[in-house]
Amino acid sequence: MSFKFDAGQSTLQGKSSTLGRGYRKLGRHMIKFFSRLPLRALYAFSSFLYLLAFYVVRHRHQVIRGQLERSFPMPATPSARASPSDS
């Protein structure tokens, strides 16, 4: 396995470049596949991904919950929640 670096290019040439080409080819096929699906199927797929990410993977769930609580704090008193038009 040999690598050669050309100063004119910012990437390494060698066996790792064939792996990158494979991912690019897979990406093109995936984009083509998803672009041909009807919107109803795309919505169903996105709902499935949401359920998978939120309930199964729970990716950074506690971090996101903490950031939301800091961004939108709950008022300390119940009277602070009442809108000005209620009085």
Protein backbone atom coordinates (compact mmCIF):
# COMPACT_ATOMS: atom_id res chain seq x y z
CA MET A 1 0.00 0.00 0.00
CA SER A 2 1.69 3.13 -1.16
CA PHE A 3 0.55 6.71 -0.89
CA LYS A 4 1.74 9.55 -3.00
CA PHE A 5 1.00 13.16 -2.24
CA ASP A 6 0.87 15.76 -4.95
CA ALA A 7 1.33 19.32 -3.71
CA GLY A 8 -1.32 20.50 -6.16
CA GLN A 9 -3.97 18.27 -4.59
CA SER A 10 -5.23 18.33 -1.06
CA THR A 11 -6.05 14.61 -0.84
CA LEU A 12 -3.92 11.52 -0.52
CA GLN A 13 -3.88 9.18 -3.48
CA GLY A 14 -3.87 5.46 -2.87
CA LYS A 15 -6.16 2.68 -1.72
CA SER A 16 -8.19 5.01 0.49
CA SER A 17 -9.34 6.99 -2.57
CA THR A 18 -11.16 3.93 -3.95
CA LEU A 19 -13.12 3.75 -0.71
CA GLY A 20 -14.11 7.41 -1.09
CA ARG A 21 -15.28 6.79 -4.64
CA GLY A 22 -17.45 3.94 -3.38
CA TYR A 23 -19.15 6.19 -0.86
CA ARG A 24 -19.73 8.87 -3.49
CA LYS A 25 -21.26 6.29 -5.81
CA LEU A 26 -23.48 4.98 -3.02
CA GLY A 27 -24.53 8.55 -2.17
CA ARG A 28 -25.51 9.26 -5.77
CA HIS A 29 -27.61 6.09 -5.89
CA MET A 30 -29.32 6.94 -2.62
CA ILE A 31 -30.15 10.47 -3.79
CA LYS A 32 -31.53 9.10 -7.05
CA PHE A 33 -33.60 6.51 -5.13
CA PHE A 34 -35.08 9.03 -2.69
CA SER A 35 -35.79 11.58 -5.43
CA ARG A 36 -38.01 9.07 -7.20
CA LEU A 37 -40.13 8.25 -4.15
CA PRO A 38 -43.53 9.89 -3.78
CA LEU A 39 -43.91 12.48 -1.02
CA ARG A 40 -46.17 10.20 1.00
CA ALA A 41 -43.39 7.60 1.18
CA LEU A 42 -40.84 10.26 2.12
CA TYR A 43 -43.06 11.48 4.96
CA ALA A 44 -43.50 7.91 6.21
CA PHE A 45 -39.74 7.35 6.03
CA SER A 46 -39.04 10.57 7.92
CA SER A 47 -41.53 9.57 10.62
CA PHE A 48 -39.78 6.24 10.94
CA LEU A 49 -36.40 7.97 11.26
CA TYR A 50 -37.82 10.29 13.92
CA LEU A 51 -39.12 7.37 15.97
CA LEU A 52 -35.85 5.53 15.56
CA ALA A 53 -33.72 8.52 16.56
CA PHE A 54 -35.90 9.79 19.41
CA TYR A 55 -36.96 6.56 21.11
CA VAL A 56 -34.39 3.94 20.14
CA VAL A 57 -31.09 5.78 19.71
CA ARG A 58 -31.96 8.70 22.05
CA HIS A 59 -29.12 10.70 20.55
CA ARG A 60 -28.08 13.43 23.02
CA HIS A 61 -31.58 13.46 24.51
CA GLN A 62 -30.53 14.89 27.89
CA VAL A 63 -28.31 17.56 26.31
CA ILE A 64 -31.07 18.73 23.97
CA ARG A 65 -33.64 18.74 26.80
CA GLY A 66 -31.30 20.85 28.99
CA GLN A 67 -30.67 23.34 26.18
CA LEU A 68 -34.39 23.74 25.54
CA GLU A 69 -35.07 24.31 29.24
CA ARG A 70 -32.36 26.98 29.37
CA SER A 71 -33.63 28.64 26.19
CA PHE A 72 -37.30 28.64 27.21
CA PRO A 73 -37.43 28.78 31.02
CA MET A 74 -40.71 28.17 32.78
CA PRO A 75 -42.00 31.16 34.80
CA ALA A 76 -41.54 30.82 38.55
CA THR A 77 -45.07 31.89 39.51
CA PRO A 78 -48.39 30.89 37.94
CA SER A 79 -49.44 34.55 37.71
CA ALA A 80 -46.50 35.25 35.42
CA ARG A 81 -47.99 32.83 32.88
CA ALA A 82 -51.22 34.79 32.55
CA SER A 83 -51.33 37.03 29.53
CA PRO A 84 -52.01 40.80 29.95
CA SER A 85 -55.39 40.43 28.24
CA ASP A 86 -56.63 38.06 31.01
CA SER A 87 -56.69 40.80 33.68
